[in-house]
Structures are given as structure tokens and as C-alpha cells.
Protein backbone atom coordinates (compact mmCIF):
# COMPACT_ATOMS: atom_id res chain seq x y z
CA MET A 1 5.92 151.91 72.11
CA LYS A 2 8.96 153.60 70.51
CA ALA A 3 8.02 157.47 69.51
CA THR A 4 10.20 158.93 66.60
CA HIS A 5 8.57 162.43 67.28
CA PHE A 6 7.67 164.09 70.68
CA SER A 7 6.87 167.72 70.91
CA ILE A 8 5.42 170.04 73.48
CA ALA A 9 4.89 173.50 73.17
CA LEU A 10 5.83 175.28 75.97
CA GLY A 11 8.16 175.74 79.17
CA ALA A 12 10.48 173.51 80.99
CA VAL A 13 8.94 170.43 79.79
CA ALA A 14 9.64 171.48 76.06
CA ALA A 15 13.49 171.73 76.93
CA THR A 16 13.36 168.68 78.84
CA VAL A 17 11.64 166.42 75.87
CA THR A 18 14.30 168.31 73.44
CA ALA A 19 16.88 167.41 75.59
CA LEU A 20 15.86 163.61 75.86
CA ALA A 21 15.33 163.45 72.10
CA LEU A 22 18.81 164.76 71.09
CA SER A 23 21.29 162.20 70.10
CA ALA A 24 23.71 161.19 67.38
CA ALA A 25 20.90 160.34 65.13
CA PRO A 26 19.39 162.82 62.55
CA ALA A 27 17.10 165.29 63.93
CA ASN A 28 13.68 163.96 65.04
CA ALA A 29 14.91 160.65 64.83
CA ALA A 30 15.82 159.68 68.15
CA GLN A 31 14.22 156.59 69.52
CA LEU A 32 12.05 157.57 72.77
CA ASP A 33 10.13 154.74 74.55
CA GLN A 34 7.04 155.65 76.47
CA PHE A 35 5.65 153.26 79.42
CA VAL A 36 3.36 153.16 82.20
CA SER A 37 3.20 151.18 85.52
CA PRO A 38 0.80 148.39 85.69
CA SER A 39 -1.55 150.52 88.01
CA GLY A 40 -1.56 153.23 85.15
CA ASN A 41 -0.89 155.89 87.84
CA ILE A 42 2.73 156.73 86.73
CA GLY A 43 3.92 157.20 82.90
CA CYS A 44 7.17 157.67 81.74
CA LEU A 45 9.04 158.79 78.83
CA ILE A 46 12.76 157.53 78.59
CA GLY A 47 15.47 158.27 75.99
CA PRO A 48 19.23 157.92 75.87
CA HIS A 49 19.86 161.45 77.46
CA GLY A 50 17.06 161.34 80.32
CA ALA A 51 13.87 160.23 81.53
CA GLU A 52 10.81 161.92 82.35
CA CYS A 53 7.95 160.81 84.44
CA GLU A 54 4.46 162.01 85.55
CA ILE A 55 1.96 160.56 88.36
CA ARG A 56 -1.64 161.16 88.11
CA ASP A 57 -2.71 160.84 91.87
CA HIS A 58 -0.53 161.20 94.60
CA SER A 59 -1.04 161.72 98.47
CA TYR A 60 2.75 163.40 99.37
CA ALA A 61 2.79 166.96 100.12
CA GLN A 62 2.34 169.29 97.03
CA PRO A 63 5.79 171.07 96.80
CA ALA A 64 5.79 174.90 96.40
CA ALA A 65 5.97 175.97 92.89
CA PRO A 66 8.54 178.10 92.09
CA VAL A 67 7.28 181.89 91.49
CA ASN A 68 7.85 181.84 87.56
CA CYS A 69 5.81 178.50 87.24
CA HIS A 70 2.42 179.37 85.78
CA GLY A 71 1.33 175.87 85.16
CA ALA A 72 1.16 172.64 87.36
CA TYR A 73 3.92 171.56 89.42
CA GLY A 74 4.83 168.53 91.75
CA ASP A 75 3.64 165.94 89.55
CA VAL A 76 6.56 165.77 86.74
CA PHE A 77 9.83 164.60 87.49
CA SER A 78 13.00 164.43 85.31
CA GLU A 79 16.64 163.57 84.82
CA GLN A 80 18.68 164.74 81.80
CA ASP A 81 22.39 164.14 80.72
CA GLY A 82 23.54 163.17 84.27
CA THR A 83 22.44 166.29 86.11
CA PHE A 84 20.47 166.34 89.46
CA ALA A 85 16.81 165.34 89.04
CA GLN A 86 14.09 168.21 89.27
CA LEU A 87 10.46 168.80 89.37
CA ASN A 88 9.24 170.33 86.08
CA CYS A 89 6.35 173.10 85.93
CA HIS A 90 4.11 172.30 83.09
CA THR A 91 0.83 173.68 81.18
CA ASP A 92 0.19 170.13 79.31
CA GLN A 93 -0.07 166.63 80.03
CA PRO A 94 3.64 165.45 78.79
CA ILE A 95 3.22 161.78 78.98
CA ASP A 96 1.05 159.48 76.87
CA PHE A 97 -0.73 157.16 79.53
CA HIS A 98 -1.93 154.82 76.67
CA SER A 99 1.47 153.62 76.21
CA ARG A 100 2.53 149.96 76.71
CA VAL A 101 2.50 148.54 80.20
CA VAL A 102 5.90 147.61 82.15
CA ASP A 103 5.02 144.86 84.55
CA TYR A 104 6.39 145.31 88.35
CA GLY A 105 10.10 143.98 88.59
CA GLN A 106 10.83 144.88 85.11
CA GLN A 107 13.26 147.49 83.74
CA VAL A 108 13.37 149.96 80.81
CA ARG A 109 16.92 150.86 79.52
CA GLU A 110 17.90 153.80 76.78
CA GLY A 111 21.61 154.44 77.09
CA ALA A 112 22.77 155.18 80.46
CA MET A 113 19.31 155.99 81.63
CA VAL A 114 17.46 152.88 83.78
CA CYS A 115 13.69 153.04 84.74
CA SER A 116 12.77 150.29 87.36
CA VAL A 117 9.04 149.50 87.84
CA THR A 118 8.32 148.11 91.10
CA MET A 119 5.01 147.44 93.31
CA GLN A 120 6.21 150.54 95.45
CA TYR A 121 7.53 153.19 93.10
CA VAL A 122 9.16 154.08 89.61
CA GLU A 123 12.66 154.88 90.03
CA CYS A 124 14.63 156.42 87.12
CA ALA A 125 18.52 157.04 87.43
CA ASP A 126 21.44 157.65 85.07
CA GLY A 127 24.07 154.83 85.62
CA THR A 128 26.75 156.94 85.11
CA THR A 129 26.50 159.46 87.49
CA GLY A 130 23.78 157.82 89.78
CA HIS A 131 21.43 161.04 89.45
CA GLY A 132 17.79 160.36 89.24
CA PHE A 133 14.53 160.31 91.06
CA LYS A 134 12.01 158.01 92.62
CA VAL A 135 8.44 158.50 92.52
CA ALA A 136 5.38 156.81 94.21
CA ARG A 137 1.70 157.75 95.49
CA GLU A 138 2.97 158.53 98.90
CA PHE A 139 6.44 160.05 98.38
CA TYR A 140 9.08 161.07 95.92
CA ASN A 141 12.82 161.59 96.17
CA ILE A 142 15.19 163.44 93.79
CA TYR A 143 18.95 162.92 93.76
């Protein structure tokens, strides 16, 4: 599913989504691709400047939230513009889990960003810098 508009009102997630949407196209015209894993547990948003994924259920140890985080933490991952990936503090559900399903073994590409869906995890990385994240029910890795 291609989205031409995607807005979130609050916090770091808004900054991430705004950064993902920025491109050479006119304002609010960037193409963002949303998808979910076949299990429906991981949903992602990918654009030419970054990716963001949310996991619904996980068994990994909950990371400590930053003191300035007054929302949920530890279930939304992002990488934008070649920087190191990060966990995001959020007060809403940034991903549409009713998006198209991307089968195991498939990839979604937007610009330098590539998200790979496997039976074990979803991994999104910037092909230019190598920065990204890997998320699964049992673990995550940000790099």
C-alpha cells in the first residue's frame, strides 16, 4: 500500500515520519510504503530516507525508557538518513497493521533503504551506510 500522506501528531515519531517523507517531491507527495510481516506481528513504514517498524508482541527484555519519554518505548525502531538506528518513544501506534503483507524471503526497497522479511526477523538497513535494525519477537539489534 502506497501512502501519499502520513502524519503523526506527537513526539519523536512525528519527527521520524516527517523525515521519512522528505524527498525531492513536493511537500506531502513522497511515496511511503507500509507493510506487515506474514505473522502480522511486525509492521513497517519505509521511504527513501528511512524506515520505521513496530512490533506488537515481544519476549525480549524491555529496555529502559529515556527519562524524557512519557509514552511507550521499546517496540518502535527507526533508521533515517543514514544515521544509527534507534528505539522511539511514542504515544500512538505509528504503523498501519492493515497494510499489505510481504512474504518471508521478500524485500521492500525505497531509495537506499531495504527491509528484508524472514521467518526469524525483519531487518531494515540503509544500503549506503549499513546502519539499520533487526527486530524479532525474541530479540532486537540496532546498528
